[in-house]
Amino acid sequence: YAAPCGIFKGRERYIVIIAGIDHQF
């Protein structure tokens, strides 16, 4: 229900990023 909010592949490991609200995006 919101994007981007999830787990993203980084260089070495996965990273959680939560930026689903417009100002956060």
mmCIF file of all heavy atoms, coordinates in Angstrom:
data_MODEL
# 
_entry.id   MODEL 
# 
loop_
_atom_site.group_PDB 
_atom_site.id 
_atom_site.type_symbol 
_atom_site.label_atom_id 
_atom_site.label_alt_id 
_atom_site.label_comp_id 
_atom_site.label_asym_id 
_atom_site.label_entity_id 
_atom_site.label_seq_id 
_atom_site.pdbx_PDB_ins_code 
_atom_site.Cartn_x 
_atom_site.Cartn_y 
_atom_site.Cartn_z 
_atom_site.occupancy 
_atom_site.B_iso_or_equiv 
_atom_site.pdbx_formal_charge 
_atom_site.auth_seq_id 
_atom_site.auth_comp_id 
_atom_site.auth_asym_id 
_atom_site.auth_atom_id 
_atom_site.pdbx_PDB_model_num 
ATOM 1   N N   . TYR A 1 1  ? 0.788  -1.230  0.000  1.00 0.00 ? 1  TYR A N   1 
ATOM 2   C CA  . TYR A 1 1  ? 0.000  0.000   0.000  1.00 0.00 ? 1  TYR A CA  1 
ATOM 3   C C   . TYR A 1 1  ? 0.823  1.284   0.000  1.00 0.00 ? 1  TYR A C   1 
ATOM 4   O O   . TYR A 1 1  ? 0.254  2.372   -0.018 1.00 0.00 ? 1  TYR A O   1 
ATOM 5   C CB  . TYR A 1 1  ? -0.976 0.006   1.180  1.00 0.00 ? 1  TYR A CB  1 
ATOM 6   C CG  . TYR A 1 1  ? -0.320 -0.232  2.513  1.00 0.00 ? 1  TYR A CG  1 
ATOM 7   C CD1 . TYR A 1 1  ? 0.219  0.814   3.248  1.00 0.00 ? 1  TYR A CD1 1 
ATOM 8   C CD2 . TYR A 1 1  ? -0.219 -1.510  3.029  1.00 0.00 ? 1  TYR A CD2 1 
ATOM 9   C CE1 . TYR A 1 1  ? 0.828  0.601   4.462  1.00 0.00 ? 1  TYR A CE1 1 
ATOM 10  C CE2 . TYR A 1 1  ? 0.382  -1.739  4.252  1.00 0.00 ? 1  TYR A CE2 1 
ATOM 11  C CZ  . TYR A 1 1  ? 0.898  -0.682  4.960  1.00 0.00 ? 1  TYR A CZ  1 
ATOM 12  O OH  . TYR A 1 1  ? 1.504  -0.921  6.162  1.00 0.00 ? 1  TYR A OH  1 
ATOM 13  N N   . ALA A 1 2  ? 2.130  1.197   0.029  1.00 0.00 ? 2  ALA A N   1 
ATOM 14  C CA  . ALA A 1 2  ? 2.973  2.391   -0.018 1.00 0.00 ? 2  ALA A CA  1 
ATOM 15  C C   . ALA A 1 2  ? 4.288  2.035   -0.691 1.00 0.00 ? 2  ALA A C   1 
ATOM 16  O O   . ALA A 1 2  ? 4.818  0.948   -0.506 1.00 0.00 ? 2  ALA A O   1 
ATOM 17  C CB  . ALA A 1 2  ? 3.225  2.931   1.385  1.00 0.00 ? 2  ALA A CB  1 
ATOM 18  N N   . ALA A 1 3  ? 4.793  2.979   -1.464 1.00 0.00 ? 3  ALA A N   1 
ATOM 19  C CA  . ALA A 1 3  ? 6.055  2.724   -2.163 1.00 0.00 ? 3  ALA A CA  1 
ATOM 20  C C   . ALA A 1 3  ? 6.882  4.004   -2.202 1.00 0.00 ? 3  ALA A C   1 
ATOM 21  O O   . ALA A 1 3  ? 6.334  5.094   -2.363 1.00 0.00 ? 3  ALA A O   1 
ATOM 22  C CB  . ALA A 1 3  ? 5.780  2.231   -3.591 1.00 0.00 ? 3  ALA A CB  1 
ATOM 23  N N   . PRO A 1 4  ? 8.177  3.841   -2.044 1.00 0.00 ? 4  PRO A N   1 
ATOM 24  C CA  . PRO A 1 4  ? 8.909  2.618   -1.748 1.00 0.00 ? 4  PRO A CA  1 
ATOM 25  C C   . PRO A 1 4  ? 8.949  2.326   -0.246 1.00 0.00 ? 4  PRO A C   1 
ATOM 26  O O   . PRO A 1 4  ? 9.336  3.175   0.543  1.00 0.00 ? 4  PRO A O   1 
ATOM 27  C CB  . PRO A 1 4  ? 10.306 2.913   -2.285 1.00 0.00 ? 4  PRO A CB  1 
ATOM 28  C CG  . PRO A 1 4  ? 10.462 4.402   -2.146 1.00 0.00 ? 4  PRO A CG  1 
ATOM 29  C CD  . PRO A 1 4  ? 9.077  4.967   -2.331 1.00 0.00 ? 4  PRO A CD  1 
ATOM 30  N N   . CYS A 1 5  ? 8.557  1.155   0.101  1.00 0.00 ? 5  CYS A N   1 
ATOM 31  C CA  . CYS A 1 5  ? 8.621  0.653   1.487  1.00 0.00 ? 5  CYS A CA  1 
ATOM 32  C C   . CYS A 1 5  ? 8.933  -0.830  1.417  1.00 0.00 ? 5  CYS A C   1 
ATOM 33  O O   . CYS A 1 5  ? 8.046  -1.628  1.097  1.00 0.00 ? 5  CYS A O   1 
ATOM 34  C CB  . CYS A 1 5  ? 7.297  0.856   2.219  1.00 0.00 ? 5  CYS A CB  1 
ATOM 35  S SG  . CYS A 1 5  ? 6.953  2.545   2.669  1.00 0.00 ? 5  CYS A SG  1 
ATOM 36  N N   . GLY A 1 6  ? 10.188 -1.164  1.667  1.00 0.00 ? 6  GLY A N   1 
ATOM 37  C CA  . GLY A 1 6  ? 10.529 -2.571  1.592  1.00 0.00 ? 6  GLY A CA  1 
ATOM 38  C C   . GLY A 1 6  ? 12.005 -2.824  1.738  1.00 0.00 ? 6  GLY A C   1 
ATOM 39  O O   . GLY A 1 6  ? 12.750 -2.008  2.274  1.00 0.00 ? 6  GLY A O   1 
ATOM 40  N N   . ILE A 1 7  ? 12.410 -3.966  1.211  1.00 0.00 ? 7  ILE A N   1 
ATOM 41  C CA  . ILE A 1 7  ? 13.784 -4.433  1.319  1.00 0.00 ? 7  ILE A CA  1 
ATOM 42  C C   . ILE A 1 7  ? 14.422 -4.349  -0.072 1.00 0.00 ? 7  ILE A C   1 
ATOM 43  O O   . ILE A 1 7  ? 13.907 -4.910  -1.033 1.00 0.00 ? 7  ILE A O   1 
ATOM 44  C CB  . ILE A 1 7  ? 13.817 -5.880  1.848  1.00 0.00 ? 7  ILE A CB  1 
ATOM 45  C CG1 . ILE A 1 7  ? 13.160 -5.944  3.227  1.00 0.00 ? 7  ILE A CG1 1 
ATOM 46  C CG2 . ILE A 1 7  ? 15.238 -6.414  1.890  1.00 0.00 ? 7  ILE A CG2 1 
ATOM 47  C CD1 . ILE A 1 7  ? 12.939 -7.348  3.733  1.00 0.00 ? 7  ILE A CD1 1 
ATOM 48  N N   . PHE A 1 8  ? 15.552 -3.647  -0.131 1.00 0.00 ? 8  PHE A N   1 
ATOM 49  C CA  . PHE A 1 8  ? 16.245 -3.419  -1.393 1.00 0.00 ? 8  PHE A CA  1 
ATOM 50  C C   . PHE A 1 8  ? 17.646 -4.015  -1.326 1.00 0.00 ? 8  PHE A C   1 
ATOM 51  O O   . PHE A 1 8  ? 18.308 -3.969  -0.292 1.00 0.00 ? 8  PHE A O   1 
ATOM 52  C CB  . PHE A 1 8  ? 16.332 -1.914  -1.676 1.00 0.00 ? 8  PHE A CB  1 
ATOM 53  C CG  . PHE A 1 8  ? 14.988 -1.268  -1.818 1.00 0.00 ? 8  PHE A CG  1 
ATOM 54  C CD1 . PHE A 1 8  ? 14.292 -0.830  -0.707 1.00 0.00 ? 8  PHE A CD1 1 
ATOM 55  C CD2 . PHE A 1 8  ? 14.401 -1.125  -3.065 1.00 0.00 ? 8  PHE A CD2 1 
ATOM 56  C CE1 . PHE A 1 8  ? 13.037 -0.247  -0.834 1.00 0.00 ? 8  PHE A CE1 1 
ATOM 57  C CE2 . PHE A 1 8  ? 13.152 -0.550  -3.201 1.00 0.00 ? 8  PHE A CE2 1 
ATOM 58  C CZ  . PHE A 1 8  ? 12.466 -0.115  -2.074 1.00 0.00 ? 8  PHE A CZ  1 
ATOM 59  N N   . LYS A 1 9  ? 18.100 -4.553  -2.453 1.00 0.00 ? 9  LYS A N   1 
ATOM 60  C CA  . LYS A 1 9  ? 19.433 -5.165  -2.512 1.00 0.00 ? 9  LYS A CA  1 
ATOM 61  C C   . LYS A 1 9  ? 20.483 -4.073  -2.582 1.00 0.00 ? 9  LYS A C   1 
ATOM 62  O O   . LYS A 1 9  ? 20.508 -3.262  -3.496 1.00 0.00 ? 9  LYS A O   1 
ATOM 63  C CB  . LYS A 1 9  ? 19.532 -6.077  -3.730 1.00 0.00 ? 9  LYS A CB  1 
ATOM 64  C CG  . LYS A 1 9  ? 20.834 -6.852  -3.785 1.00 0.00 ? 9  LYS A CG  1 
ATOM 65  C CD  . LYS A 1 9  ? 20.752 -7.944  -4.824 1.00 0.00 ? 9  LYS A CD  1 
ATOM 66  C CE  . LYS A 1 9  ? 21.999 -8.766  -4.958 1.00 0.00 ? 9  LYS A CE  1 
ATOM 67  N NZ  . LYS A 1 9  ? 22.929 -8.808  -3.888 1.00 0.00 ? 9  LYS A NZ  1 
ATOM 68  N N   . GLY A 1 10 ? 21.352 -4.062  -1.566 1.00 0.00 ? 10 GLY A N   1 
ATOM 69  C CA  . GLY A 1 10 ? 22.477 -3.138  -1.550 1.00 0.00 ? 10 GLY A CA  1 
ATOM 70  C C   . GLY A 1 10 ? 23.712 -3.795  -2.119 1.00 0.00 ? 10 GLY A C   1 
ATOM 71  O O   . GLY A 1 10 ? 23.657 -4.883  -2.698 1.00 0.00 ? 10 GLY A O   1 
ATOM 72  N N   . ARG A 1 11 ? 24.860 -3.140  -1.946 1.00 0.00 ? 11 ARG A N   1 
ATOM 73  C CA  . ARG A 1 11 ? 26.130 -3.712  -2.435 1.00 0.00 ? 11 ARG A CA  1 
ATOM 74  C C   . ARG A 1 11 ? 26.498 -4.998  -1.713 1.00 0.00 ? 11 ARG A C   1 
ATOM 75  O O   . ARG A 1 11 ? 26.942 -5.956  -2.335 1.00 0.00 ? 11 ARG A O   1 
ATOM 76  C CB  . ARG A 1 11 ? 27.273 -2.711  -2.241 1.00 0.00 ? 11 ARG A CB  1 
ATOM 77  C CG  . ARG A 1 11 ? 27.480 -1.789  -3.393 1.00 0.00 ? 11 ARG A CG  1 
ATOM 78  C CD  . ARG A 1 11 ? 28.672 -0.880  -3.130 1.00 0.00 ? 11 ARG A CD  1 
ATOM 79  N NE  . ARG A 1 11 ? 29.916 -1.379  -3.677 1.00 0.00 ? 11 ARG A NE  1 
ATOM 80  C CZ  . ARG A 1 11 ? 30.253 -1.318  -4.944 1.00 0.00 ? 11 ARG A CZ  1 
ATOM 81  N NH1 . ARG A 1 11 ? 29.435 -0.806  -5.816 1.00 0.00 ? 11 ARG A NH1 1 
ATOM 82  N NH2 . ARG A 1 11 ? 31.410 -1.767  -5.349 1.00 0.00 ? 11 ARG A NH2 1 
ATOM 83  N N   . GLU A 1 12 ? 26.345 -4.987  -0.368 1.00 0.00 ? 12 GLU A N   1 
ATOM 84  C CA  . GLU A 1 12 ? 26.783 -6.135  0.413  1.00 0.00 ? 12 GLU A CA  1 
ATOM 85  C C   . GLU A 1 12 ? 25.630 -6.926  1.032  1.00 0.00 ? 12 GLU A C   1 
ATOM 86  O O   . GLU A 1 12 ? 25.795 -8.095  1.359  1.00 0.00 ? 12 GLU A O   1 
ATOM 87  C CB  . GLU A 1 12 ? 27.689 -5.678  1.573  1.00 0.00 ? 12 GLU A CB  1 
ATOM 88  C CG  . GLU A 1 12 ? 28.963 -4.978  1.140  1.00 0.00 ? 12 GLU A CG  1 
ATOM 89  C CD  . GLU A 1 12 ? 28.954 -3.471  1.381  1.00 0.00 ? 12 GLU A CD  1 
ATOM 90  O OE1 . GLU A 1 12 ? 28.173 -2.979  2.207  1.00 0.00 ? 12 GLU A OE1 1 
ATOM 91  O OE2 . GLU A 1 12 ? 29.750 -2.798  0.717  1.00 0.00 ? 12 GLU A OE2 1 
ATOM 92  N N   . ARG A 1 13 ? 24.494 -6.274  1.241  1.00 0.00 ? 13 ARG A N   1 
ATOM 93  C CA  . ARG A 1 13 ? 23.390 -6.924  1.942  1.00 0.00 ? 13 ARG A CA  1 
ATOM 94  C C   . ARG A 1 13 ? 22.093 -6.198  1.582  1.00 0.00 ? 13 ARG A C   1 
ATOM 95  O O   . ARG A 1 13 ? 22.110 -5.237  0.856  1.00 0.00 ? 13 ARG A O   1 
ATOM 96  C CB  . ARG A 1 13 ? 23.627 -6.873  3.449  1.00 0.00 ? 13 ARG A CB  1 
ATOM 97  C CG  . ARG A 1 13 ? 23.639 -5.448  3.984  1.00 0.00 ? 13 ARG A CG  1 
ATOM 98  C CD  . ARG A 1 13 ? 23.817 -5.310  5.473  1.00 0.00 ? 13 ARG A CD  1 
ATOM 99  N NE  . ARG A 1 13 ? 23.831 -6.549  6.157  1.00 0.00 ? 13 ARG A NE  1 
ATOM 100 C CZ  . ARG A 1 13 ? 24.494 -6.813  7.254  1.00 0.00 ? 13 ARG A CZ  1 
ATOM 101 N NH1 . ARG A 1 13 ? 25.196 -5.871  7.821  1.00 0.00 ? 13 ARG A NH1 1 
ATOM 102 N NH2 . ARG A 1 13 ? 24.457 -7.987  7.829  1.00 0.00 ? 13 ARG A NH2 1 
ATOM 103 N N   . TYR A 1 14 ? 21.015 -6.681  2.139  1.00 0.00 ? 14 TYR A N   1 
ATOM 104 C CA  . TYR A 1 14 ? 19.738 -6.021  1.912  1.00 0.00 ? 14 TYR A CA  1 
ATOM 105 C C   . TYR A 1 14 ? 19.553 -4.873  2.896  1.00 0.00 ? 14 TYR A C   1 
ATOM 106 O O   . TYR A 1 14 ? 20.056 -4.926  4.025  1.00 0.00 ? 14 TYR A O   1 
ATOM 107 C CB  . TYR A 1 14 ? 18.576 -7.014  2.030  1.00 0.00 ? 14 TYR A CB  1 
ATOM 108 C CG  . TYR A 1 14 ? 18.464 -7.896  0.810  1.00 0.00 ? 14 TYR A CG  1 
ATOM 109 C CD1 . TYR A 1 14 ? 19.127 -9.109  0.739  1.00 0.00 ? 14 TYR A CD1 1 
ATOM 110 C CD2 . TYR A 1 14 ? 17.718 -7.479  -0.288 1.00 0.00 ? 14 TYR A CD2 1 
ATOM 111 C CE1 . TYR A 1 14 ? 19.045 -9.903  -0.386 1.00 0.00 ? 14 TYR A CE1 1 
ATOM 112 C CE2 . TYR A 1 14 ? 17.631 -8.276  -1.432 1.00 0.00 ? 14 TYR A CE2 1 
ATOM 113 C CZ  . TYR A 1 14 ? 18.298 -9.488  -1.461 1.00 0.00 ? 14 TYR A CZ  1 
ATOM 114 O OH  . TYR A 1 14 ? 18.218 -10.258 -2.585 1.00 0.00 ? 14 TYR A OH  1 
ATOM 115 N N   . ILE A 1 15 ? 18.837 -3.842  2.443  1.00 0.00 ? 15 ILE A N   1 
ATOM 116 C CA  . ILE A 1 15 ? 18.591 -2.645  3.244  1.00 0.00 ? 15 ILE A CA  1 
ATOM 117 C C   . ILE A 1 15 ? 17.088 -2.360  3.224  1.00 0.00 ? 15 ILE A C   1 
ATOM 118 O O   . ILE A 1 15 ? 16.454 -2.398  2.165  1.00 0.00 ? 15 ILE A O   1 
ATOM 119 C CB  . ILE A 1 15 ? 19.363 -1.437  2.666  1.00 0.00 ? 15 ILE A CB  1 
ATOM 120 C CG1 . ILE A 1 15 ? 20.869 -1.711  2.706  1.00 0.00 ? 15 ILE A CG1 1 
ATOM 121 C CG2 . ILE A 1 15 ? 19.011 -0.150  3.406  1.00 0.00 ? 15 ILE A CG2 1 
ATOM 122 C CD1 . ILE A 1 15 ? 21.709 -0.684  1.976  1.00 0.00 ? 15 ILE A CD1 1 
ATOM 123 N N   . VAL A 1 16 ? 16.540 -2.063  4.400  1.00 0.00 ? 16 VAL A N   1 
ATOM 124 C CA  . VAL A 1 16 ? 15.142 -1.646  4.491  1.00 0.00 ? 16 VAL A CA  1 
ATOM 125 C C   . VAL A 1 16 ? 15.098 -0.140  4.263  1.00 0.00 ? 16 VAL A C   1 
ATOM 126 O O   . VAL A 1 16 ? 15.841 0.609   4.904  1.00 0.00 ? 16 VAL A O   1 
ATOM 127 C CB  . VAL A 1 16 ? 14.554 -1.977  5.887  1.00 0.00 ? 16 VAL A CB  1 
ATOM 128 C CG1 . VAL A 1 16 ? 13.141 -1.423  6.018  1.00 0.00 ? 16 VAL A CG1 1 
ATOM 129 C CG2 . VAL A 1 16 ? 14.570 -3.468  6.139  1.00 0.00 ? 16 VAL A CG2 1 
ATOM 130 N N   . ILE A 1 17 ? 14.245 0.290   3.351  1.00 0.00 ? 17 ILE A N   1 
ATOM 131 C CA  . ILE A 1 17 ? 14.028 1.716   3.096  1.00 0.00 ? 17 ILE A CA  1 
ATOM 132 C C   . ILE A 1 17 ? 12.538 1.967   3.170  1.00 0.00 ? 17 ILE A C   1 
ATOM 133 O O   . ILE A 1 17 ? 11.741 1.258   2.541  1.00 0.00 ? 17 ILE A O   1 
ATOM 134 C CB  . ILE A 1 17 ? 14.582 2.155   1.717  1.00 0.00 ? 17 ILE A CB  1 
ATOM 135 C CG1 . ILE A 1 17 ? 16.088 1.918   1.654  1.00 0.00 ? 17 ILE A CG1 1 
ATOM 136 C CG2 . ILE A 1 17 ? 14.239 3.623   1.438  1.00 0.00 ? 17 ILE A CG2 1 
ATOM 137 C CD1 . ILE A 1 17 ? 16.706 2.195   0.285  1.00 0.00 ? 17 ILE A CD1 1 
ATOM 138 N N   . ILE A 1 18 ? 12.161 2.975   3.949  1.00 0.00 ? 18 ILE A N   1 
ATOM 139 C CA  . ILE A 1 18 ? 10.746 3.324   4.104  1.00 0.00 ? 18 ILE A CA  1 
ATOM 140 C C   . ILE A 1 18 ? 10.585 4.772   3.674  1.00 0.00 ? 18 ILE A C   1 
ATOM 141 O O   . ILE A 1 18 ? 10.971 5.700   4.395  1.00 0.00 ? 18 ILE A O   1 
ATOM 142 C CB  . ILE A 1 18 ? 10.289 3.127   5.558  1.00 0.00 ? 18 ILE A CB  1 
ATOM 143 C CG1 . ILE A 1 18 ? 10.494 1.666   5.950  1.00 0.00 ? 18 ILE A CG1 1 
ATOM 144 C CG2 . ILE A 1 18 ? 8.847  3.561   5.738  1.00 0.00 ? 18 ILE A CG2 1 
ATOM 145 C CD1 . ILE A 1 18 ? 10.243 1.360   7.392  1.00 0.00 ? 18 ILE A CD1 1 
ATOM 146 N N   . ALA A 1 19 ? 10.026 4.985   2.492  1.00 0.00 ? 19 ALA A N   1 
ATOM 147 C CA  . ALA A 1 19 ? 9.858  6.331   1.955  1.00 0.00 ? 19 ALA A CA  1 
ATOM 148 C C   . ALA A 1 19 ? 8.561  6.420   1.153  1.00 0.00 ? 19 ALA A C   1 
ATOM 149 O O   . ALA A 1 19 ? 8.519  6.992   0.070  1.00 0.00 ? 19 ALA A O   1 
ATOM 150 C CB  . ALA A 1 19 ? 11.064 6.718   1.101  1.00 0.00 ? 19 ALA A CB  1 
ATOM 151 N N   . GLY A 1 20 ? 7.489  5.843   1.676  1.00 0.00 ? 20 GLY A N   1 
ATOM 152 C CA  . GLY A 1 20 ? 6.225  5.792   0.948  1.00 0.00 ? 20 GLY A CA  1 
ATOM 153 C C   . GLY A 1 20 ? 5.399  7.061   0.994  1.00 0.00 ? 20 GLY A C   1 
ATOM 154 O O   . GLY A 1 20 ? 4.486  7.237   0.203  1.00 0.00 ? 20 GLY A O   1 
ATOM 155 N N   . ILE A 1 21 ? 5.696  7.960   1.918  1.00 0.00 ? 21 ILE A N   1 
ATOM 156 C CA  . ILE A 1 21 ? 4.978  9.231   1.987  1.00 0.00 ? 21 ILE A CA  1 
ATOM 157 C C   . ILE A 1 21 ? 5.653  10.185  1.011  1.00 0.00 ? 21 ILE A C   1 
ATOM 158 O O   . ILE A 1 21 ? 6.881  10.174  0.859  1.00 0.00 ? 21 ILE A O   1 
ATOM 159 C CB  . ILE A 1 21 ? 5.005  9.775   3.427  1.00 0.00 ? 21 ILE A CB  1 
ATOM 160 C CG1 . ILE A 1 21 ? 4.351  8.758   4.374  1.00 0.00 ? 21 ILE A CG1 1 
ATOM 161 C CG2 . ILE A 1 21 ? 4.330  11.125  3.528  1.00 0.00 ? 21 ILE A CG2 1 
ATOM 162 C CD1 . ILE A 1 21 ? 4.518  9.073   5.836  1.00 0.00 ? 21 ILE A CD1 1 
ATOM 163 N N   . ASP A 1 22 ? 4.862  11.026  0.356  1.00 0.00 ? 22 ASP A N   1 
ATOM 164 C CA  . ASP A 1 22 ? 5.393  11.877  -0.722 1.00 0.00 ? 22 ASP A CA  1 
ATOM 165 C C   . ASP A 1 22 ? 6.630  12.667  -0.309 1.00 0.00 ? 22 ASP A C   1 
ATOM 166 O O   . ASP A 1 22 ? 7.610  12.712  -1.046 1.00 0.00 ? 22 ASP A O   1 
ATOM 167 C CB  . ASP A 1 22 ? 4.307  12.813  -1.243 1.00 0.00 ? 22 ASP A CB  1 
ATOM 168 C CG  . ASP A 1 22 ? 3.238  12.072  -2.040 1.00 0.00 ? 22 ASP A CG  1 
ATOM 169 O OD1 . ASP A 1 22 ? 3.496  10.933  -2.492 1.00 0.00 ? 22 ASP A OD1 1 
ATOM 170 O OD2 . ASP A 1 22 ? 2.134  12.628  -2.199 1.00 0.00 ? 22 ASP A OD2 1 
ATOM 171 N N   . HIS A 1 23 ? 6.606  13.307  0.860  1.00 0.00 ? 23 HIS A N   1 
ATOM 172 C CA  . HIS A 1 23 ? 7.780  14.105  1.244  1.00 0.00 ? 23 HIS A CA  1 
ATOM 173 C C   . HIS A 1 23 ? 8.991  13.215  1.507  1.00 0.00 ? 23 HIS A C   1 
ATOM 174 O O   . HIS A 1 23 ? 10.120 13.611  1.238  1.00 0.00 ? 23 HIS A O   1 
ATOM 175 C CB  . HIS A 1 23 ? 7.477  15.027  2.438  1.00 0.00 ? 23 HIS A CB  1 
ATOM 176 C CG  . HIS A 1 23 ? 7.478  14.354  3.766  1.00 0.00 ? 23 HIS A CG  1 
ATOM 177 N ND1 . HIS A 1 23 ? 6.382  13.706  4.283  1.00 0.00 ? 23 HIS A ND1 1 
ATOM 178 C CD2 . HIS A 1 23 ? 8.468  14.211  4.675  1.00 0.00 ? 23 HIS A CD2 1 
ATOM 179 C CE1 . HIS A 1 23 ? 6.690  13.205  5.464  1.00 0.00 ? 23 HIS A CE1 1 
ATOM 180 N NE2 . HIS A 1 23 ? 7.940  13.489  5.734  1.00 0.00 ? 23 HIS A NE2 1 
ATOM 181 N N   . GLN A 1 24 ? 8.768  11.997  2.005  1.00 0.00 ? 24 GLN A N   1 
ATOM 182 C CA  . GLN A 1 24 ? 9.895  11.079  2.199  1.00 0.00 ? 24 GLN A CA  1 
ATOM 183 C C   . GLN A 1 24 ? 10.455 10.627  0.859  1.00 0.00 ? 24 GLN A C   1 
ATOM 184 O O   . GLN A 1 24 ? 11.665 10.472  0.703  1.00 0.00 ? 24 GLN A O   1 
ATOM 185 C CB  . GLN A 1 24 ? 9.475  9.858   3.017  1.00 0.00 ? 24 GLN A CB  1 
ATOM 186 C CG  . GLN A 1 24 ? 9.230  10.146  4.478  1.00 0.00 ? 24 GLN A CG  1 
ATOM 187 C CD  . GLN A 1 24 ? 8.732  8.915   5.204  1.00 0.00 ? 24 GLN A CD  1 
ATOM 188 O OE1 . GLN A 1 24 ? 7.982  8.118   4.649  1.00 0.00 ? 24 GLN A OE1 1 
ATOM 189 N NE2 . GLN A 1 24 ? 9.139  8.782   6.454  1.00 0.00 ? 24 GLN A NE2 1 
ATOM 190 N N   . PHE A 1 25 ? 9.554  10.410  -0.108 1.00 0.00 ? 25 PHE A N   1 
ATOM 191 C CA  . PHE A 1 25 ? 10.036 10.005  -1.419 1.00 0.00 ? 25 PHE A CA  1 
ATOM 192 C C   . PHE A 1 25 ? 10.885 11.112  -2.037 1.00 0.00 ? 25 PHE A C   1 
ATOM 193 O O   . PHE A 1 25 ? 11.937 10.841  -2.628 1.00 0.00 ? 25 PHE A O   1 
ATOM 194 C CB  . PHE A 1 25 ? 8.877  9.639   -2.352 1.00 0.00 ? 25 PHE A CB  1 
ATOM 195 C CG  . PHE A 1 25 ? 9.354  9.215   -3.711 1.00 0.00 ? 25 PHE A CG  1 
ATOM 196 C CD1 . PHE A 1 25 ? 10.100 8.055   -3.875 1.00 0.00 ? 25 PHE A CD1 1 
ATOM 197 C CD2 . PHE A 1 25 ? 9.096  9.996   -4.829 1.00 0.00 ? 25 PHE A CD2 1 
ATOM 198 C CE1 . PHE A 1 25 ? 10.569 7.668   -5.118 1.00 0.00 ? 25 PHE A CE1 1 
ATOM 199 C CE2 . PHE A 1 25 ? 9.556  9.619   -6.081 1.00 0.00 ? 25 PHE A CE2 1 
ATOM 200 C CZ  . PHE A 1 25 ? 10.301 8.449   -6.223 1.00 0.00 ? 25 PHE A CZ  1 
# 
